[in-house]
PDB file of N, CA and C in Angstrom:
ATOM      1  N   MET A   1      -3.448   0.681 -18.197  1.00  0.00           N
ATOM      2  CA  MET A   1      -2.303   1.515 -17.930  1.00  0.00           C
ATOM      3  C   MET A   1      -1.364   0.353 -17.144  1.00  0.00           C
ATOM      4  N   SER A   2      -0.103   0.052 -17.888  1.00  0.00           N
ATOM      5  CA  SER A   2       0.625  -0.854 -17.092  1.00  0.00           C
ATOM      6  C   SER A   2       1.015  -0.450 -15.388  1.00  0.00           C
ATOM      7  N   GLN A   3       1.506  -1.312 -14.785  1.00  0.00           N
ATOM      8  CA  GLN A   3       2.047  -1.346 -13.503  1.00  0.00           C
ATOM      9  C   GLN A   3       3.269  -0.176 -13.349  1.00  0.00           C
ATOM     10  N   GLU A   4       4.180  -0.273 -14.470  1.00  0.00           N
ATOM     11  CA  GLU A   4       5.285   0.631 -14.425  1.00  0.00           C
ATOM     12  C   GLU A   4       4.723   1.812 -14.537  1.00  0.00           C
ATOM     13  N   GLU A   5       3.591   2.348 -15.463  1.00  0.00           N
ATOM     14  CA  GLU A   5       3.332   3.635 -15.909  1.00  0.00           C
ATOM     15  C   GLU A   5       2.494   4.117 -14.999  1.00  0.00           C
ATOM     16  N   LYS A   6       1.808   3.249 -13.807  1.00  0.00           N
ATOM     17  CA  LYS A   6       1.139   3.724 -12.761  1.00  0.00           C
ATOM     18  C   LYS A   6       2.374   4.366 -12.133  1.00  0.00           C
ATOM     19  N   LEU A   7       3.234   3.284 -11.661  1.00  0.00           N
ATOM     20  CA  LEU A   7       4.320   3.829 -10.710  1.00  0.00           C
ATOM     21  C   LEU A   7       4.940   5.410 -11.054  1.00  0.00           C
ATOM     22  N   GLU A   8       5.236   5.190 -12.067  1.00  0.00           N
ATOM     23  CA  GLU A   8       5.722   6.516 -12.695  1.00  0.00           C
ATOM     24  C   GLU A   8       4.839   7.710 -12.592  1.00  0.00           C
ATOM     25  N   LYS A   9       3.496   7.546 -12.696  1.00  0.00           N
ATOM     26  CA  LYS A   9       2.571   8.962 -12.589  1.00  0.00           C
ATOM     27  C   LYS A   9       2.453   8.899 -11.229  1.00  0.00           C
ATOM     28  N   VAL A  10       2.437   7.930 -10.248  1.00  0.00           N
ATOM     29  CA  VAL A  10       2.580   8.180  -8.999  1.00  0.00           C
ATOM     30  C   VAL A  10       3.979   9.182  -8.551  1.00  0.00           C
ATOM     31  N   ILE A  11       4.810   8.532  -9.009  1.00  0.00           N
ATOM     32  CA  ILE A  11       6.294   9.065  -8.536  1.00  0.00           C
ATOM     33  C   ILE A  11       6.085  10.595  -9.097  1.00  0.00           C
ATOM     34  N   SER A  12       5.540  10.774 -10.470  1.00  0.00           N
ATOM     35  CA  SER A  12       5.605  12.188 -10.895  1.00  0.00           C
ATOM     36  C   SER A  12       4.738  13.020  -9.815  1.00  0.00           C
ATOM     37  N   GLN A  13       3.777  12.391  -9.591  1.00  0.00           N
ATOM     38  CA  GLN A  13       2.642  13.380  -8.579  1.00  0.00           C
ATOM     39  C   GLN A  13       3.449  13.643  -7.235  1.00  0.00           C
ATOM     40  N   LEU A  14       4.021  12.861  -6.741  1.00  0.00           N
ATOM     41  CA  LEU A  14       4.912  12.877  -5.300  1.00  0.00           C
ATOM     42  C   LEU A  14       6.040  13.987  -5.546  1.00  0.00           C
ATOM     43  N   LYS A  15       6.638  13.931  -6.831  1.00  0.00           N
ATOM     44  CA  LYS A  15       7.792  14.778  -6.996  1.00  0.00           C
ATOM     45  C   LYS A  15       7.245  16.313  -7.051  1.00  0.00           C
ATOM     46  N   ASP A  16       5.842  16.273  -7.929  1.00  0.00           N
ATOM     47  CA  ASP A  16       5.544  17.543  -8.111  1.00  0.00           C
ATOM     48  C   ASP A  16       5.044  18.412  -6.903  1.00  0.00           C
ATOM     49  N   ARG A  17       4.722  17.465  -5.667  1.00  0.00           N
ATOM     50  CA  ARG A  17       4.539  18.020  -4.503  1.00  0.00           C
ATOM     51  C   ARG A  17       5.436  18.023  -3.276  1.00  0.00           C
ATOM     52  N   GLY A  18       6.710  18.014  -3.971  1.00  0.00           N
ATOM     53  CA  GLY A  18       8.144  17.930  -3.426  1.00  0.00           C
ATOM     54  C   GLY A  18       8.318  16.881  -2.505  1.00  0.00           C
ATOM     55  N   TYR A  19       7.813  15.807  -2.491  1.00  0.00           N
ATOM     56  CA  TYR A  19       8.515  14.585  -1.819  1.00  0.00           C
ATOM     57  C   TYR A  19       9.707  13.821  -2.383  1.00  0.00           C
ATOM     58  N   ARG A  20      10.726  13.533  -1.748  1.00  0.00           N
ATOM     59  CA  ARG A  20      11.660  12.820  -2.151  1.00  0.00           C
ATOM     60  C   ARG A  20      11.272  11.300  -2.577  1.00  0.00           C
ATOM     61  N   ILE A  21      11.847  10.781  -3.776  1.00  0.00           N
ATOM     62  CA  ILE A  21      11.639   9.392  -3.948  1.00  0.00           C
ATOM     63  C   ILE A  21      12.711   8.405  -3.743  1.00  0.00           C
ATOM     64  N   THR A  22      12.916   7.958  -2.377  1.00  0.00           N
ATOM     65  CA  THR A  22      13.790   7.012  -1.950  1.00  0.00           C
ATOM     66  C   THR A  22      13.735   5.625  -2.591  1.00  0.00           C
ATOM     67  N   GLY A  23      14.757   4.823  -2.299  1.00  0.00           N
ATOM     68  CA  GLY A  23      14.507   3.661  -2.740  1.00  0.00           C
ATOM     69  C   GLY A  23      13.688   2.872  -2.085  1.00  0.00           C
ATOM     70  N   GLN A  24      13.340   3.031  -0.834  1.00  0.00           N
ATOM     71  CA  GLN A  24      12.727   2.453   0.195  1.00  0.00           C
ATOM     72  C   GLN A  24      11.055   2.940  -0.174  1.00  0.00           C
ATOM     73  N   ARG A  25      10.822   4.013  -0.641  1.00  0.00           N
ATOM     74  CA  ARG A  25       9.404   4.761  -1.121  1.00  0.00           C
ATOM     75  C   ARG A  25       9.183   3.854  -2.283  1.00  0.00           C
ATOM     76  N   ARG A  26      10.031   3.812  -3.413  1.00  0.00           N
ATOM     77  CA  ARG A  26       9.901   3.022  -4.403  1.00  0.00           C
ATOM     78  C   ARG A  26       9.563   1.890  -4.479  1.00  0.00           C
ATOM     79  N   LEU A  27      10.131   0.985  -3.354  1.00  0.00           N
ATOM     80  CA  LEU A  27       9.802  -0.429  -3.347  1.00  0.00           C
ATOM     81  C   LEU A  27       8.358  -0.409  -2.645  1.00  0.00           C
ATOM     82  N   LEU A  28       7.940   0.260  -1.627  1.00  0.00           N
ATOM     83  CA  LEU A  28       6.649   0.456  -1.072  1.00  0.00           C
ATOM     84  C   LEU A  28       5.806   0.761  -2.446  1.00  0.00           C
ATOM     85  N   LEU A  29       6.045   1.708  -3.075  1.00  0.00           N
ATOM     86  CA  LEU A  29       5.112   2.029  -4.126  1.00  0.00           C
ATOM     87  C   LEU A  29       4.671   0.745  -5.288  1.00  0.00           C
ATOM     88  N   ARG A  30       5.893   0.070  -5.509  1.00  0.00           N
ATOM     89  CA  ARG A  30       5.859  -1.237  -6.346  1.00  0.00           C
ATOM     90  C   ARG A  30       5.108  -2.191  -5.689  1.00  0.00           C
ATOM     91  N   LEU A  31       5.379  -2.487  -4.438  1.00  0.00           N
ATOM     92  CA  LEU A  31       4.361  -3.475  -3.737  1.00  0.00           C
ATOM     93  C   LEU A  31       2.670  -3.043  -3.666  1.00  0.00           C
ATOM     94  N   ILE A  32       2.626  -1.911  -3.303  1.00  0.00           N
ATOM     95  CA  ILE A  32       1.346  -1.165  -3.007  1.00  0.00           C
ATOM     96  C   ILE A  32       0.658  -1.273  -4.436  1.00  0.00           C
ATOM     97  N   LEU A  33       1.167  -1.000  -5.650  1.00  0.00           N
ATOM     98  CA  LEU A  33       0.443  -0.941  -6.774  1.00  0.00           C
ATOM     99  C   LEU A  33       0.495  -2.379  -7.274  1.00  0.00           C
ATOM    100  N   GLY A  34       1.253  -3.129  -6.945  1.00  0.00           N
ATOM    101  CA  GLY A  34       1.219  -4.569  -7.520  1.00  0.00           C
ATOM    102  C   GLY A  34       0.475  -5.626  -6.935  1.00  0.00           C
ATOM    103  N   SER A  35      -0.003  -5.141  -5.747  1.00  0.00           N
ATOM    104  CA  SER A  35      -1.136  -6.314  -4.972  1.00  0.00           C
ATOM    105  C   SER A  35      -1.750  -5.530  -4.093  1.00  0.00           C
ATOM    106  N   GLU A  36      -3.016  -6.513  -3.705  1.00  0.00           N
ATOM    107  CA  GLU A  36      -3.623  -6.119  -2.580  1.00  0.00           C
ATOM    108  C   GLU A  36      -3.185  -6.369  -1.258  1.00  0.00           C
ATOM    109  N   TYR A  37      -3.373  -5.521  -0.238  1.00  0.00           N
ATOM    110  CA  TYR A  37      -2.789  -5.899   0.887  1.00  0.00           C
ATOM    111  C   TYR A  37      -3.987  -5.547   2.089  1.00  0.00           C
ATOM    112  N   SER A  38      -3.965  -6.311   3.127  1.00  0.00           N
ATOM    113  CA  SER A  38      -5.401  -6.008   4.070  1.00  0.00           C
ATOM    114  C   SER A  38      -4.564  -4.941   5.192  1.00  0.00           C
ATOM    115  N   SER A  39      -3.324  -4.839   5.150  1.00  0.00           N
ATOM    116  CA  SER A  39      -2.779  -3.959   6.435  1.00  0.00           C
ATOM    117  C   SER A  39      -1.271  -3.492   5.932  1.00  0.00           C
ATOM    118  N   CYS A  40      -1.020  -2.630   6.756  1.00  0.00           N
ATOM    119  CA  CYS A  40       0.354  -2.010   6.745  1.00  0.00           C
ATOM    120  C   CYS A  40       1.364  -3.017   7.146  1.00  0.00           C
ATOM    121  N   LYS A  41       0.896  -3.825   7.871  1.00  0.00           N
ATOM    122  CA  LYS A  41       1.910  -4.888   8.599  1.00  0.00           C
ATOM    123  C   LYS A  41       2.154  -5.779   7.566  1.00  0.00           C
ATOM    124  N   GLU A  42       1.155  -6.183   6.523  1.00  0.00           N
ATOM    125  CA  GLU A  42       1.417  -7.038   5.464  1.00  0.00           C
ATOM    126  C   GLU A  42       2.373  -6.599   4.536  1.00  0.00           C
ATOM    127  N   ILE A  43       2.160  -4.921   3.999  1.00  0.00           N
ATOM    128  CA  ILE A  43       2.969  -4.582   3.310  1.00  0.00           C
ATOM    129  C   ILE A  43       4.620  -4.458   4.103  1.00  0.00           C
ATOM    130  N   TYR A  44       4.374  -4.192   5.082  1.00  0.00           N
ATOM    131  CA  TYR A  44       5.826  -4.099   5.888  1.00  0.00           C
ATOM    132  C   TYR A  44       6.554  -5.347   5.568  1.00  0.00           C
ATOM    133  N   PHE A  45       5.633  -6.872   5.885  1.00  0.00           N
ATOM    134  CA  PHE A  45       6.434  -7.855   5.929  1.00  0.00           C
ATOM    135  C   PHE A  45       6.835  -8.368   4.470  1.00  0.00           C
ATOM    136  N   ALA A  46       6.108  -7.747   3.397  1.00  0.00           N
ATOM    137  CA  ALA A  46       6.713  -8.185   2.289  1.00  0.00           C
ATOM    138  C   ALA A  46       7.749  -7.215   1.850  1.00  0.00           C
ATOM    139  N   ALA A  47       7.863  -6.008   2.139  1.00  0.00           N
ATOM    140  CA  ALA A  47       9.025  -4.658   2.060  1.00  0.00           C
ATOM    141  C   ALA A  47      10.356  -5.562   2.695  1.00  0.00           C
ATOM    142  N   LYS A  48      10.018  -6.202   4.046  1.00  0.00           N
ATOM    143  CA  LYS A  48      11.336  -6.593   4.671  1.00  0.00           C
ATOM    144  C   LYS A  48      12.033  -7.663   3.970  1.00  0.00           C
ATOM    145  N   GLN A  49      10.980  -8.762   3.363  1.00  0.00           N
ATOM    146  CA  GLN A  49      11.807  -9.848   2.169  1.00  0.00           C
ATOM    147  C   GLN A  49      12.539  -9.184   1.169  1.00  0.00           C
ATOM    148  N   VAL A  50      12.543  -7.836   0.765  1.00  0.00           N
ATOM    149  CA  VAL A  50      13.150  -7.376  -0.343  1.00  0.00           C
ATOM    150  C   VAL A  50      14.196  -6.433   0.364  1.00  0.00           C
ATOM    151  N   ASP A  51      13.910  -5.601   1.254  1.00  0.00           N
ATOM    152  CA  ASP A  51      14.708  -4.761   1.939  1.00  0.00           C
ATOM    153  C   ASP A  51      14.629  -4.737   3.388  1.00  0.00           C
ATOM    154  N   LYS A  52      15.651  -5.345   3.909  1.00  0.00           N
ATOM    155  CA  LYS A  52      15.633  -5.542   5.659  1.00  0.00           C
ATOM    156  C   LYS A  52      15.747  -4.267   6.243  1.00  0.00           C
ATOM    157  N   ARG A  53      16.119  -3.040   5.373  1.00  0.00           N
ATOM    158  CA  ARG A  53      16.307  -1.941   6.067  1.00  0.00           C
ATOM    159  C   ARG A  53      14.822  -0.942   6.250  1.00  0.00           C
ATOM    160  N   VAL A  54      13.525  -1.614   5.639  1.00  0.00           N
ATOM    161  CA  VAL A  54      12.691  -0.697   5.715  1.00  0.00           C
ATOM    162  C   VAL A  54      11.975  -0.782   7.120  1.00  0.00           C
ATOM    163  N   GLY A  55      11.567   0.093   7.501  1.00  0.00           N
ATOM    164  CA  GLY A  55      10.869   0.129   9.037  1.00  0.00           C
ATOM    165  C   GLY A  55       9.428   0.181   8.829  1.00  0.00           C
ATOM    166  N   ILE A  56       8.823  -0.251   9.918  1.00  0.00           N
ATOM    167  CA  ILE A  56       7.155  -0.106   9.679  1.00  0.00           C
ATOM    168  C   ILE A  56       6.886   1.218   9.702  1.00  0.00           C
ATOM    169  N   ALA A  57       7.618   2.016  10.416  1.00  0.00           N
ATOM    170  CA  ALA A  57       6.988   3.780  10.400  1.00  0.00           C
ATOM    171  C   ALA A  57       7.204   4.108   9.190  1.00  0.00           C
ATOM    172  N   THR A  58       8.199   3.886   8.335  1.00  0.00           N
ATOM    173  CA  THR A  58       8.229   4.276   6.750  1.00  0.00           C
ATOM    174  C   THR A  58       6.946   3.699   6.053  1.00  0.00           C
ATOM    175  N   VAL A  59       6.580   2.618   6.423  1.00  0.00           N
ATOM    176  CA  VAL A  59       5.479   1.776   5.897  1.00  0.00           C
ATOM    177  C   VAL A  59       4.092   2.845   6.082  1.00  0.00           C
ATOM    178  N   TYR A  60       3.838   3.062   7.199  1.00  0.00           N
ATOM    179  CA  TYR A  60       2.741   3.585   7.868  1.00  0.00           C
ATOM    180  C   TYR A  60       2.669   5.250   6.962  1.00  0.00           C
ATOM    181  N   ARG A  61       3.796   5.947   7.173  1.00  0.00           N
ATOM    182  CA  ARG A  61       3.900   7.129   6.548  1.00  0.00           C
ATOM    183  C   ARG A  61       3.729   7.317   5.097  1.00  0.00           C
ATOM    184  N   THR A  62       4.023   6.472   4.467  1.00  0.00           N
ATOM    185  CA  THR A  62       4.165   6.267   3.084  1.00  0.00           C
ATOM    186  C   THR A  62       2.513   6.014   2.648  1.00  0.00           C
ATOM    187  N   VAL A  63       1.813   5.012   3.510  1.00  0.00           N
ATOM    188  CA  VAL A  63       0.503   4.765   3.045  1.00  0.00           C
ATOM    189  C   VAL A  63      -0.430   5.924   3.601  1.00  0.00           C
ATOM    190  N   GLN A  64      -0.033   6.558   4.457  1.00  0.00           N
ATOM    191  CA  GLN A  64      -0.774   7.747   4.904  1.00  0.00           C
ATOM    192  C   GLN A  64      -0.855   8.714   3.974  1.00  0.00           C
ATOM    193  N   LEU A  65       0.362   9.047   3.561  1.00  0.00           N
ATOM    194  CA  LEU A  65       0.972  10.051   2.529  1.00  0.00           C
ATOM    195  C   LEU A  65      -0.013   9.844   1.244  1.00  0.00           C
ATOM    196  N   LEU A  66      -0.076   8.526   0.629  1.00  0.00           N
ATOM    197  CA  LEU A  66      -0.695   8.142  -0.667  1.00  0.00           C
ATOM    198  C   LEU A  66      -2.149   8.308  -0.295  1.00  0.00           C
ATOM    199  N   GLU A  67      -2.584   8.065   0.952  1.00  0.00           N
ATOM    200  CA  GLU A  67      -4.278   8.070   1.115  1.00  0.00           C
ATOM    201  C   GLU A  67      -4.648   9.804   1.442  1.00  0.00           C
ATOM    202  N   ASP A  68      -3.615  10.512   1.781  1.00  0.00           N
ATOM    203  CA  ASP A  68      -3.691  11.775   2.072  1.00  0.00           C
ATOM    204  C   ASP A  68      -4.022  12.461   0.771  1.00  0.00           C
ATOM    205  N   MET A  69      -3.129  11.890  -0.428  1.00  0.00           N
ATOM    206  CA  MET A  69      -3.136  12.249  -1.795  1.00  0.00           C
ATOM    207  C   MET A  69      -4.437  12.053  -2.670  1.00  0.00           C
ATOM    208  N   GLU A  70      -4.935  11.000  -1.968  1.00  0.00           N
ATOM    209  CA  GLU A  70      -6.056  10.090  -2.662  1.00  0.00           C
ATOM    210  C   GLU A  70      -5.855   9.364  -3.764  1.00  0.00           C
ATOM    211  N   LEU A  71      -4.230   8.639  -3.692  1.00  0.00           N
ATOM    212  CA  LEU A  71      -3.835   7.944  -4.646  1.00  0.00           C
ATOM    213  C   LEU A  71      -4.182   6.381  -4.196  1.00  0.00           C
ATOM    214  N   ILE A  72      -4.613   6.198  -3.010  1.00  0.00           N
ATOM    215  CA  ILE A  72      -5.268   4.995  -2.603  1.00  0.00           C
ATOM    216  C   ILE A  72      -6.211   5.145  -1.768  1.00  0.00           C
ATOM    217  N   ARG A  73      -7.066   4.054  -1.105  1.00  0.00           N
ATOM    218  CA  ARG A  73      -7.944   4.188  -0.088  1.00  0.00           C
ATOM    219  C   ARG A  73      -7.702   2.786   0.727  1.00  0.00           C
ATOM    220  N   LYS A  74      -8.276   2.905   1.929  1.00  0.00           N
ATOM    221  CA  LYS A  74      -8.517   1.522   2.472  1.00  0.00           C
ATOM    222  C   LYS A  74      -9.879   1.052   2.056  1.00  0.00           C
ATOM    223  N   LYS A  75      -9.940  -0.211   2.183  1.00  0.00           N
ATOM    224  CA  LYS A  75     -11.030  -0.889   1.890  1.00  0.00           C
ATOM    225  C   LYS A  75     -11.277  -1.886   2.678  1.00  0.00           C
ATOM    226  N   TRP A  76     -12.373  -1.822   3.607  1.00  0.00           N
ATOM    227  CA  TRP A  76     -12.613  -2.981   4.491  1.00  0.00           C
ATOM    228  C   TRP A  76     -13.904  -3.962   4.275  1.00  0.00           C
ATOM    229  N   SER A  77     -14.062  -5.084   4.516  1.00  0.00           N
ATOM    230  CA  SER A  77     -14.676  -6.039   4.008  1.00  0.00           C
ATOM    231  C   SER A  77     -14.944  -7.030   5.199  1.00  0.00           C
ATOM    232  N   TYR A  78     -16.313  -7.191   5.415  1.00  0.00           N
ATOM    233  CA  TYR A  78     -16.683  -8.243   6.491  1.00  0.00           C
ATOM    234  C   TYR A  78     -17.460  -9.175   6.165  1.00  0.00           C
ATOM    235  N   GLU A  79     -17.231 -10.382   6.427  1.00  0.00           N
ATOM    236  CA  GLU A  79     -18.242 -11.361   6.286  1.00  0.00           C
ATOM    237  C   GLU A  79     -18.621 -12.299   7.297  1.00  0.00           C
ATOM    238  N   LEU A  80     -19.705 -12.818   7.069  1.00  0.00           N
ATOM    239  CA  LEU A  80     -20.309 -13.502   8.337  1.00  0.00           C
ATOM    240  C   LEU A  80     -19.687 -14.995   8.087  1.00  0.00           C
ATOM    241  N   GLY A  81     -19.522 -15.561   9.135  1.00  0.00           N
ATOM    242  CA  GLY A  81     -18.969 -16.990   9.053  1.00  0.00           C
ATOM    243  C   GLY A  81     -20.237 -17.934   8.518  1.00  0.00           C
ATOM    244  N   GLU A  82     -19.613 -19.228   7.994  1.00  0.00           N
ATOM    245  CA  GLU A  82     -20.408 -20.040   7.561  1.00  0.00           C
ATOM    246  C   GLU A  82     -21.819 -20.461   8.851  1.00  0.00           C
ATOM    247  N   SER A  83     -21.218 -20.805  10.011  1.00  0.00           N
ATOM    248  CA  SER A  83     -22.416 -20.991  10.969  1.00  0.00           C
ATOM    249  C   SER A  83     -23.487 -20.020  11.156  1.00  0.00           C
ATOM    250  N   PHE A  84     -23.130 -18.816  10.853  1.00  0.00           N
ATOM    251  CA  PHE A  84     -24.273 -17.636  10.984  1.00  0.00           C
ATOM    252  C   PHE A  84     -25.095 -17.589   9.542  1.00  0.00           C
ATOM    253  N   LYS A  85     -24.472 -17.886   8.575  1.00  0.00           N
ATOM    254  CA  LYS A  85     -25.082 -17.897   7.211  1.00  0.00           C
ATOM    255  C   LYS A  85     -26.259 -18.780   7.442  1.00  0.00           C
ATOM    256  N   ARG A  86     -25.689 -20.050   8.069  1.00  0.00           N
ATOM    257  CA  ARG A  86     -26.940 -21.257   7.958  1.00  0.00           C
ATOM    258  C   ARG A  86     -28.111 -20.916   8.870  1.00  0.00           C
ATOM    259  N   GLU A  87     -27.741 -20.174   9.715  1.00  0.00           N
ATOM    260  CA  GLU A  87     -28.797 -19.956  10.704  1.00  0.00           C
ATOM    261  C   GLU A  87     -29.848 -18.746  10.169  1.00  0.00           C
ATOM    262  N   GLY A  88     -29.597 -18.270   9.405  1.00  0.00           N
ATOM    263  CA  GLY A  88     -30.330 -17.025   8.289  1.00  0.00           C
ATOM    264  C   GLY A  88     -30.030 -15.762   8.899  1.00  0.00           C
ATOM    265  N   LEU A  89     -28.945 -15.419   9.243  1.00  0.00           N
ATOM    266  CA  LEU A  89     -28.321 -14.141   9.650  1.00  0.00           C
ATOM    267  C   LEU A  89     -28.136 -13.352   8.445  1.00  0.00           C
TER     268      LEU A  89
END
């Protein structure tokens, strides 16, 4: 499935649940579906480069909405630094 098809599928699901698809929400969806981000702040900074009007609260609300709908999920990853690996931990 292409990125555009994924985007349209998510938009359709949002519309079916009564959510409006604003230009900012569409931008955020494109960004989220197009790349991996480690935080809402990263999404926010990427969005601000495209549209200066995007607010951090909009990003957090959109991410939370997508998580609640189980369309995205947080992925946590931790690694030990090289100095710990050499010591056998």
